[in-house]
Protein backbone atom coordinates (compact mmCIF):
# COMPACT_ATOMS: atom_id res chain seq x y z
CA MET A 1 -57.42 183.93 50.71
CA ALA A 2 -54.72 184.20 53.38
CA HIS A 3 -51.15 185.00 52.33
CA ARG A 4 -49.05 183.47 55.08
CA TYR A 5 -45.44 184.25 55.94
CA ARG A 6 -43.06 182.81 58.52
CA LEU A 7 -42.55 185.15 61.49
CA TYR A 8 -39.26 185.24 63.40
CA PRO A 9 -39.67 187.04 66.75
CA THR A 10 -36.68 187.57 69.01
CA GLU A 11 -36.39 186.07 72.47
CA ALA A 12 -37.28 189.45 73.98
CA GLN A 13 -40.46 189.68 71.86
CA LEU A 14 -41.77 186.19 72.59
CA PRO A 15 -43.27 186.97 76.05
CA THR A 16 -45.25 189.87 74.60
CA LEU A 17 -46.57 187.78 71.72
CA TYR A 18 -47.62 184.97 74.05
CA MET A 19 -49.30 187.57 76.28
CA HIS A 20 -51.35 188.84 73.33
CA VAL A 21 -52.32 185.26 72.45
CA GLY A 22 -53.51 184.60 76.01
CA HIS A 23 -55.44 187.87 76.26
CA SER A 24 -57.14 187.29 72.90
CA ARG A 25 -58.16 183.79 73.94
CA TYR A 26 -59.46 184.98 77.33
CA VAL A 27 -61.54 187.84 75.88
CA TRP A 28 -63.00 185.53 73.20
CA ASN A 29 -63.99 182.89 75.77
CA MET A 30 -65.53 185.42 78.17
CA ALA A 31 -67.67 186.97 75.42
CA LEU A 32 -68.67 183.53 74.14
CA GLU A 33 -69.67 182.47 77.65
CA GLN A 34 -71.87 185.55 77.88
CA CYS A 35 -73.57 184.59 74.60
CA LEU A 36 -74.16 180.98 75.71
CA TYR A 37 -75.58 182.08 79.07
CA ALA A 38 -77.94 184.52 77.36
CA ARG A 39 -79.04 181.75 75.03
CA GLU A 40 -79.94 179.54 78.00
CA LEU A 41 -82.19 182.35 79.21
CA GLY A 42 -83.83 182.62 75.80
CA ARG A 43 -82.21 185.95 74.95
CA TYR A 44 -79.38 187.39 72.89
CA ALA A 45 -76.22 188.87 74.39
CA ASP A 46 -75.79 192.63 73.99
CA GLN A 47 -72.74 192.63 71.72
CA SER A 48 -72.78 196.42 71.44
CA ALA A 49 -71.80 196.66 75.13
CA TRP A 50 -68.73 194.42 74.82
CA ASN A 51 -66.26 197.24 74.17
CA LYS A 52 -67.52 199.18 77.19
CA GLN A 53 -67.30 196.08 79.37
CA LEU A 54 -63.77 195.45 78.13
CA ALA A 55 -62.74 199.01 78.99
CA GLU A 56 -64.08 198.55 82.52
CA ALA A 57 -62.34 195.20 82.90
CA ARG A 58 -59.01 196.71 81.83
CA ARG A 59 -59.17 199.21 84.68
CA PHE A 60 -59.07 196.57 87.42
CA SER A 61 -57.50 193.44 85.91
CA TRP A 62 -54.31 192.12 84.38
CA LEU A 63 -55.74 192.83 80.92
CA LYS A 64 -54.43 196.41 81.14
CA GLU A 65 -50.90 195.05 80.64
CA GLY A 66 -51.84 194.06 77.10
CA SER A 67 -53.03 195.95 74.05
CA SER A 68 -56.62 197.18 73.85
CA SER A 69 -56.58 196.92 70.04
CA VAL A 70 -55.63 193.23 70.22
CA GLN A 71 -58.38 192.53 72.74
CA GLN A 72 -60.97 194.48 70.76
CA GLY A 73 -59.87 192.52 67.70
CA ALA A 74 -60.87 189.29 69.46
CA LEU A 75 -64.36 190.74 70.05
CA ARG A 76 -64.65 191.75 66.39
CA ASP A 77 -63.61 188.25 65.35
CA LEU A 78 -66.31 186.73 67.55
CA ARG A 79 -68.97 189.04 66.13
CA GLN A 80 -67.93 188.08 62.60
CA ALA A 81 -67.94 184.38 63.53
CA PHE A 82 -71.55 184.68 64.70
CA ARG A 83 -72.53 186.58 61.54
CA ASN A 84 -70.95 183.89 59.38
CA TRP A 85 -72.75 181.15 61.27
CA TRP A 86 -76.12 182.88 61.12
CA GLY A 87 -75.72 183.79 57.46
CA ASN A 88 -74.57 180.37 56.23
CA PRO A 89 -75.02 177.65 58.88
CA GLY A 90 -74.45 174.92 56.31
CA HIS A 91 -70.89 176.10 55.72
CA PHE A 92 -69.84 177.76 58.99
CA SER A 93 -69.98 176.06 62.38
CA PRO A 94 -70.96 177.91 65.56
CA PRO A 95 -68.14 179.62 67.48
CA ARG A 96 -66.54 177.35 70.05
CA TRP A 97 -64.19 177.69 72.98
CA ARG A 98 -60.55 178.46 72.35
CA SER A 99 -58.13 176.20 74.19
CA ARG A 100 -54.41 176.68 74.64
CA HIS A 101 -53.97 172.94 74.03
CA ARG A 102 -55.86 172.70 70.73
CA GLY A 103 -54.86 173.95 67.31
CA SER A 104 -53.18 177.23 66.44
CA GLN A 105 -53.48 180.30 68.65
CA GLY A 106 -53.24 183.91 67.55
CA PHE A 107 -54.38 187.50 67.61
CA VAL A 108 -55.22 190.27 65.14
CA VAL A 109 -53.18 193.38 64.36
CA ARG A 110 -55.60 195.97 62.99
CA ASP A 111 -53.39 199.05 62.49
CA LEU A 112 -51.12 197.57 59.85
CA THR A 113 -47.63 199.05 59.61
CA LEU A 114 -45.05 197.29 57.43
CA VAL A 115 -41.44 198.20 56.85
CA LYS A 116 -39.48 196.44 54.11
CA VAL A 117 -35.91 195.76 55.23
CA ASN A 118 -34.59 194.21 52.01
CA ARG A 119 -35.76 191.85 49.28
CA ARG A 120 -35.90 188.91 51.71
CA TRP A 121 -37.14 190.42 54.96
CA SER A 122 -39.83 192.78 56.14
CA GLU A 123 -41.05 193.91 59.56
CA LEU A 124 -44.53 194.09 61.10
CA THR A 125 -45.27 196.46 63.95
CA VAL A 126 -46.98 194.56 66.78
CA PRO A 127 -48.40 196.51 69.75
CA LYS A 128 -46.03 196.54 72.75
CA ALA A 129 -43.59 194.25 70.91
CA GLY A 130 -42.23 196.63 68.30
CA ARG A 131 -41.13 195.54 64.87
CA VAL A 132 -41.18 191.77 64.34
CA ARG A 133 -39.32 190.41 61.34
CA PHE A 134 -40.93 188.02 58.84
CA ARG A 135 -39.67 186.28 55.72
CA LEU A 136 -40.75 187.77 52.37
CA SER A 137 -41.39 184.51 50.56
CA ARG A 138 -43.60 186.47 48.11
CA PRO A 139 -44.78 190.09 47.85
CA VAL A 140 -47.20 191.29 50.50
CA PRO A 141 -50.63 192.02 48.95
CA HIS A 142 -51.41 195.73 48.75
CA GLU A 143 -55.09 195.10 49.54
CA ALA A 144 -54.31 193.87 53.08
CA THR A 145 -55.57 196.13 55.87
CA SER A 146 -54.95 193.85 58.85
CA ALA A 147 -52.79 190.89 59.84
CA ARG A 148 -53.23 187.83 62.01
CA VAL A 149 -50.29 186.51 64.02
CA THR A 150 -50.49 182.80 64.93
CA VAL A 151 -48.38 180.20 66.66
CA ASP A 152 -48.88 176.48 66.08
CA ARG A 153 -48.29 173.61 68.50
CA SER A 154 -44.74 173.15 67.26
CA GLY A 155 -43.84 176.72 68.29
CA ARG A 156 -43.66 178.21 64.78
CA TRP A 157 -44.95 181.77 64.35
CA HIS A 158 -46.68 183.00 61.19
CA VAL A 159 -48.33 186.20 60.02
CA SER A 160 -51.23 186.13 57.54
CA PHE A 161 -52.66 188.88 55.36
CA VAL A 162 -56.15 188.45 53.89
CA ALA A 163 -56.37 189.34 50.21
CA PRO A 164 -58.10 188.01 47.07
CA GLN A 165 -56.70 185.01 45.23
CA PRO A 166 -53.91 186.26 42.93
CA THR A 167 -54.49 186.06 39.18
CA PHE A 168 -53.65 182.67 37.72
CA GLU A 169 -51.95 182.95 34.34
CA ARG A 170 -53.04 180.32 31.84
CA THR A 171 -53.94 179.90 28.16
CA THR A 172 -56.90 178.07 26.64
CA THR A 173 -56.16 174.40 25.91
CA HIS A 174 -59.64 173.09 24.86
CA LYS A 175 -59.05 169.99 26.98
CA ALA A 176 -61.26 168.36 29.63
CA VAL A 177 -60.49 165.88 32.40
CA GLY A 178 -62.36 163.85 34.98
CA LEU A 179 -60.83 163.26 38.42
CA ASP A 180 -61.44 160.23 40.63
CA MET A 181 -60.29 160.64 44.24
CA GLY A 182 -58.81 157.62 45.99
CA ILE A 183 -56.44 156.29 48.63
CA ALA A 184 -53.81 154.28 46.72
CA ALA A 185 -53.77 156.97 44.04
CA THR A 186 -54.88 160.32 45.41
CA VAL A 187 -56.13 161.49 42.02
CA THR A 188 -56.73 159.45 38.87
CA THR A 189 -57.40 161.35 35.65
CA SER A 190 -59.53 160.25 32.70
CA ASP A 191 -56.35 160.46 30.61
CA GLY A 192 -55.04 157.43 32.47
CA GLU A 193 -52.63 159.23 34.80
CA HIS A 194 -52.29 158.46 38.53
CA LEU A 195 -51.29 161.37 40.77
CA ARG A 196 -50.03 159.98 44.07
CA MET A 197 -49.34 162.07 47.13
CA GLY A 198 -47.18 159.30 48.55
CA ARG A 199 -45.83 159.02 52.06
CA LEU A 200 -45.47 162.39 53.73
CA LEU A 201 -43.01 161.13 56.34
CA SER A 202 -39.95 158.98 55.76
CA GLU A 203 -39.46 155.60 57.43
CA GLY A 204 -37.24 157.16 60.06
CA GLU A 205 -39.74 159.94 60.78
CA ARG A 206 -42.61 157.47 61.13
CA ALA A 207 -40.55 155.34 63.50
CA ARG A 208 -39.70 158.42 65.54
CA ARG A 209 -43.36 159.46 65.71
CA LEU A 210 -44.36 156.00 66.95
CA LYS A 211 -41.63 156.13 69.59
CA LEU A 212 -42.76 159.58 70.72
CA GLU A 213 -46.41 158.49 70.91
CA ARG A 214 -45.49 155.57 73.13
CA LYS A 215 -43.34 157.83 75.27
CA LEU A 216 -46.19 160.35 75.57
CA ALA A 217 -48.59 157.64 76.78
CA ARG A 218 -46.27 156.84 79.72
CA GLN A 219 -45.62 160.40 80.86
CA GLN A 220 -47.55 162.27 83.51
CA LYS A 221 -50.05 164.80 82.26
CA GLY A 222 -49.04 168.38 82.91
CA SER A 223 -45.33 167.60 83.32
CA CYS A 224 -42.59 169.53 81.53
CA ARG A 225 -41.22 166.39 79.91
CA ARG A 226 -44.63 165.58 78.49
CA GLY A 227 -44.79 169.10 77.09
CA ARG A 228 -41.46 168.65 75.32
CA THR A 229 -42.64 165.35 73.87
CA LYS A 230 -45.83 166.98 72.59
CA ARG A 231 -43.80 169.72 70.90
CA SER A 232 -41.60 167.12 69.22
CA LEU A 233 -44.71 165.34 67.92
CA ALA A 234 -46.17 168.65 66.77
CA LYS A 235 -43.03 169.38 64.74
CA LEU A 236 -43.42 166.09 62.87
CA THR A 237 -47.12 166.80 62.28
CA ALA A 238 -46.30 170.29 60.99
CA ARG A 239 -43.70 168.86 58.63
CA GLU A 240 -46.28 166.37 57.34
CA GLY A 241 -48.86 169.12 56.80
CA ASP A 242 -46.37 171.32 54.95
CA ARG A 243 -45.51 168.52 52.53
CA ARG A 244 -49.21 167.74 51.97
CA ASN A 245 -50.02 171.37 51.19
CA ASP A 246 -47.03 171.62 48.88
CA TRP A 247 -48.20 168.60 46.88
CA ILE A 248 -51.77 169.91 46.67
CA GLU A 249 -50.62 173.32 45.45
CA LYS A 250 -48.43 171.84 42.73
CA ALA A 251 -51.03 169.29 41.58
CA THR A 252 -53.90 171.79 41.43
CA THR A 253 -51.75 174.35 39.62
CA ARG A 254 -50.85 171.79 36.98
CA LEU A 255 -54.47 170.68 36.45
CA VAL A 256 -55.86 174.22 36.15
CA ARG A 257 -53.10 175.15 33.72
CA ASP A 258 -53.61 172.10 31.49
CA TYR A 259 -57.42 171.76 31.30
CA ASP A 260 -60.33 174.08 30.50
CA LEU A 261 -62.91 171.75 32.09
CA ILE A 262 -62.24 169.83 35.30
CA VAL A 263 -64.91 167.45 36.61
CA ILE A 264 -64.60 166.16 40.18
CA GLU A 265 -66.70 164.06 42.52
CA ASP A 266 -69.08 165.80 44.89
CA LEU A 267 -67.85 163.81 47.89
CA LYS A 268 -69.40 164.26 51.33
CA VAL A 269 -66.14 163.75 53.18
CA LYS A 270 -67.62 164.58 56.57
CA ASN A 271 -70.13 161.75 56.21
CA MET A 272 -67.50 159.35 54.85
CA VAL A 273 -65.27 159.63 57.92
CA ARG A 274 -67.95 159.03 60.53
CA SER A 275 -66.98 156.60 63.26
CA ALA A 276 -68.21 152.99 63.09
CA LYS A 277 -68.11 152.38 66.85
CA GLY A 278 -71.87 152.48 67.26
CA THR A 279 -73.44 152.40 70.71
CA PHE A 280 -73.24 150.12 73.74
CA GLU A 281 -76.53 148.44 72.81
CA SER A 282 -75.64 148.24 69.09
CA PRO A 283 -71.84 148.14 68.68
CA GLY A 284 -70.33 148.65 65.26
CA ARG A 285 -68.52 146.12 63.09
CA GLY A 286 -65.07 146.41 61.54
CA VAL A 287 -64.26 149.39 63.76
CA SER A 288 -60.46 149.13 63.45
CA GLN A 289 -60.66 148.81 59.65
CA LYS A 290 -62.98 151.82 59.41
CA THR A 291 -60.68 153.79 61.70
CA GLY A 292 -57.74 153.09 59.41
CA LEU A 293 -59.78 154.08 56.35
CA ASN A 294 -60.86 157.33 58.00
CA ARG A 295 -57.24 158.10 58.84
CA GLU A 296 -56.21 157.59 55.20
CA ILE A 297 -59.07 159.77 53.94
CA HIS A 298 -58.04 162.57 56.28
CA SER A 299 -54.43 162.29 55.17
CA GLN A 300 -55.38 162.75 51.49
CA ALA A 301 -57.16 166.08 52.22
CA TRP A 302 -59.75 165.73 49.45
CA SER A 303 -61.70 168.80 50.55
CA THR A 304 -58.59 171.01 50.51
CA PHE A 305 -57.68 169.70 47.05
CA ARG A 306 -61.14 170.52 45.72
CA GLN A 307 -61.19 173.98 47.27
CA ARG A 308 -57.81 174.92 45.85
CA LEU A 309 -58.96 173.78 42.40
CA ILE A 310 -62.00 176.04 42.64
CA ASP A 311 -59.96 179.01 43.92
CA LYS A 312 -57.36 178.82 41.17
CA ALA A 313 -59.90 178.21 38.42
CA GLY A 314 -61.89 181.23 39.56
CA ALA A 315 -58.80 183.46 39.39
CA ALA A 316 -57.57 182.19 36.01
CA THR A 317 -57.00 184.68 33.21
CA SER A 318 -58.76 182.41 30.68
CA MET A 319 -61.89 180.44 31.49
CA CYS A 320 -61.41 177.24 33.49
CA THR A 321 -64.55 175.50 34.77
CA VAL A 322 -64.70 173.12 37.74
CA ILE A 323 -67.85 170.97 37.96
CA SER A 324 -68.89 168.64 40.77
CA VAL A 325 -71.02 165.60 39.87
CA ASP A 326 -72.77 162.89 41.83
CA PRO A 327 -70.20 160.12 42.48
CA ARG A 328 -72.74 157.30 42.91
CA ASN A 329 -72.10 154.22 40.74
CA THR A 330 -69.24 155.85 38.84
CA SER A 331 -66.99 152.95 39.87
CA ARG A 332 -69.60 150.29 38.96
CA ARG A 333 -70.70 151.71 35.64
CA CYS A 334 -69.06 150.68 32.38
CA SER A 335 -67.72 153.70 30.51
CA SER A 336 -68.23 151.86 27.21
CA CYS A 337 -71.79 150.49 27.38
CA SER A 338 -73.22 152.11 30.56
CA TYR A 339 -73.97 148.71 32.14
CA THR A 340 -74.04 149.23 35.91
CA ALA A 341 -73.55 146.32 38.31
CA LYS A 342 -71.60 145.49 41.43
CA GLU A 343 -70.03 142.49 39.68
CA ASN A 344 -68.24 144.77 37.20
CA ARG A 345 -65.74 145.69 39.91
CA GLU A 346 -63.68 142.51 40.27
CA ASN A 347 -61.36 144.01 42.89
CA GLN A 348 -59.94 147.32 43.96
CA THR A 349 -57.98 147.90 40.74
CA VAL A 350 -59.60 145.82 37.96
CA PHE A 351 -62.85 146.73 36.17
CA LEU A 352 -64.39 144.10 33.87
CA CYS A 353 -67.81 144.76 32.37
CA GLN A 354 -70.04 141.70 32.58
CA ALA A 355 -72.10 142.88 29.59
CA CYS A 356 -69.61 143.94 26.92
CA GLY A 357 -66.32 142.65 28.30
CA TYR A 358 -64.70 146.11 28.52
CA SER A 359 -61.70 146.01 30.85
CA ASN A 360 -59.67 148.83 32.37
CA ASN A 361 -58.23 150.09 35.60
CA ALA A 362 -61.14 150.67 37.98
CA ASP A 363 -60.09 154.22 38.88
CA ILE A 364 -59.55 155.20 35.23
CA ASN A 365 -62.98 153.80 34.30
CA ALA A 366 -64.55 155.82 37.13
CA SER A 367 -62.77 159.01 36.07
CA ILE A 368 -64.05 158.55 32.49
CA ASN A 369 -67.61 158.24 33.84
CA ILE A 370 -67.06 161.36 35.94
CA LEU A 371 -65.89 163.32 32.89
CA ALA A 372 -68.87 162.12 30.84
CA ALA A 373 -71.27 163.18 33.59
CA GLY A 374 -69.64 166.59 33.75
CA GLN A 375 -69.92 167.05 30.00
CA ALA A 376 -73.61 166.16 30.22
CA VAL A 377 -74.06 168.75 32.96
CA CYS A 378 -72.53 171.41 30.74
CA GLY A 379 -74.83 170.48 27.90
CA ARG A 380 -78.06 169.96 29.84
CA GLY A 381 -77.64 172.35 32.75
CA GLY A 382 -78.34 169.73 35.40
CA LYS A 383 -76.74 166.84 37.23
CA VAL A 384 -76.73 163.33 35.83
CA SER A 385 -78.25 160.57 37.99
CA LEU A 386 -76.34 157.37 37.38
CA GLY A 387 -78.57 154.30 37.39
CA SER A 388 -78.00 151.17 39.47
CA SER A 389 -79.86 148.58 37.38
CA SER A 390 -78.10 145.24 36.98
CA ASN A 391 -79.73 144.65 33.58
CA PRO A 392 -78.27 146.71 30.72
CA ARG A 393 -81.64 146.80 28.95
CA GLU A 394 -83.34 148.27 32.04
CA THR A 395 -80.84 151.06 32.56
CA SER A 396 -82.80 154.30 32.54
CA THR A 397 -79.85 156.68 32.24
CA PRO A 398 -78.52 157.87 28.91
CA VAL A 399 -75.34 156.39 27.51
CA LEU A 400 -72.58 158.88 28.30
CA ARG A 401 -69.41 158.17 26.42
CA ASN A 402 -66.06 159.83 26.73
CA PRO A 403 -64.90 160.99 23.28
CA ARG A 404 -61.81 159.00 22.43
CA PRO A 405 -59.23 159.80 19.77
C-alpha cells in the first residue's frame, strides 16, 4: 500500500524535479525500446548490462546533469515491471511507453532521508534539489525504505512511501451483508440501505468543465493557451478523483467496521466497459447509450471499492471476510422462492416475482441473493451457480434464503 503525502517544492526546486521526471522517463523508454527490439529478433535484452550502458551514456550526454540514482531507479522499476508481468500476466499488464502527456509522471528516491520539521511538516531529501517539504497528513511508515515523487497533470506534486496496510481496529459484530453494485445507487446492502456516491462535481464545476472542453477543441495543438486549458481541466478532474476516493475510503471503512462477512459481486468490469462501436462491416448498435453507461461505470470505480474492502478486511484486528460470488441472475432471482425469470424484473427499481408475488426494490432483492450465495459458499466451500430456468419446478439450484428477523 502507498502512503501518499502532498509535496510542496519551492520555485527554485521545480526545475530540478522536472529534470528528474524527464530523465526517468527517457531512461525507461530507451530500455523498453531495447527490450522490444530484442523481442522482434527472437531474443531477450541483456538487462544486466543496463547500468553499464547508462554509465557510458552519462559521460557524453545531457543525462550527466541529473542524478545517477534517479536514473538507475527507473531501470530497477522496469525490471520489476517485467518480473510482475511474467509472474502474473493475468493481473499485471506488460510495460508500456511513458508519455509526458499521459497520466502522472515521477521518479524514485532510493536513499531515503527524512527530517521532521514540526508536527505538520517534514522534509524529504531529493538528489540535486535538497530538502523538499511535504505535509504530514499522517505519520510516515517506519517500514518505508524508498519514496516515489510524482506530479499529476494538474501540476500537483506528491510523495509516496510503500508500506503494508495499517492495522484496522474493529470488534466482532456477528453480522453479514450482501452488496449489489449499481449506477443510481453505488452500493445497495441486503439490510435495505442505499449508499450513493452522488455527483462529484457541482453544477458550476460541470458547466465550467463543459466550457473548457469546448474551448480546448477550438485551440491549436501545442500552443501555450491550449496547455493552460488542459491544466485547468486537469484540476477539475483531480478534484473529482479526490472526492471519489474520499467517499470510497469512508464507505469501505464503515462496512468493514460493521460486518464480519461481506459478500460482493465478482464483476468483470473490464469486459463490462468494452466499446459497442463494432467494425466497419458490422457496426454496433446503441453506441451512444453504451458510451454513457461505460462512463458511469468508470465514475463509480467498482474495482477500487472492492480492492479497498479486501485491503481493510485483511488488516482488521478481528476477522472480517470478504467473499466474491457469481453475479449472474442475482437481479432476476426471487430471494423468497428462488424463482428465476426475466419477467420478475418489471423495471430498473421494482422486483415482482411472477411465482409467489414477492415484491421489493430490485437492488435490495439482488443484494439479498448475493448474501445468500456468499453464506452458501462459506458452508459448502464452493461457488453457487444461480439457475436461469423460467419454471420454478425446474430450477436446479438450491433455495438460498436470507435469514430474516
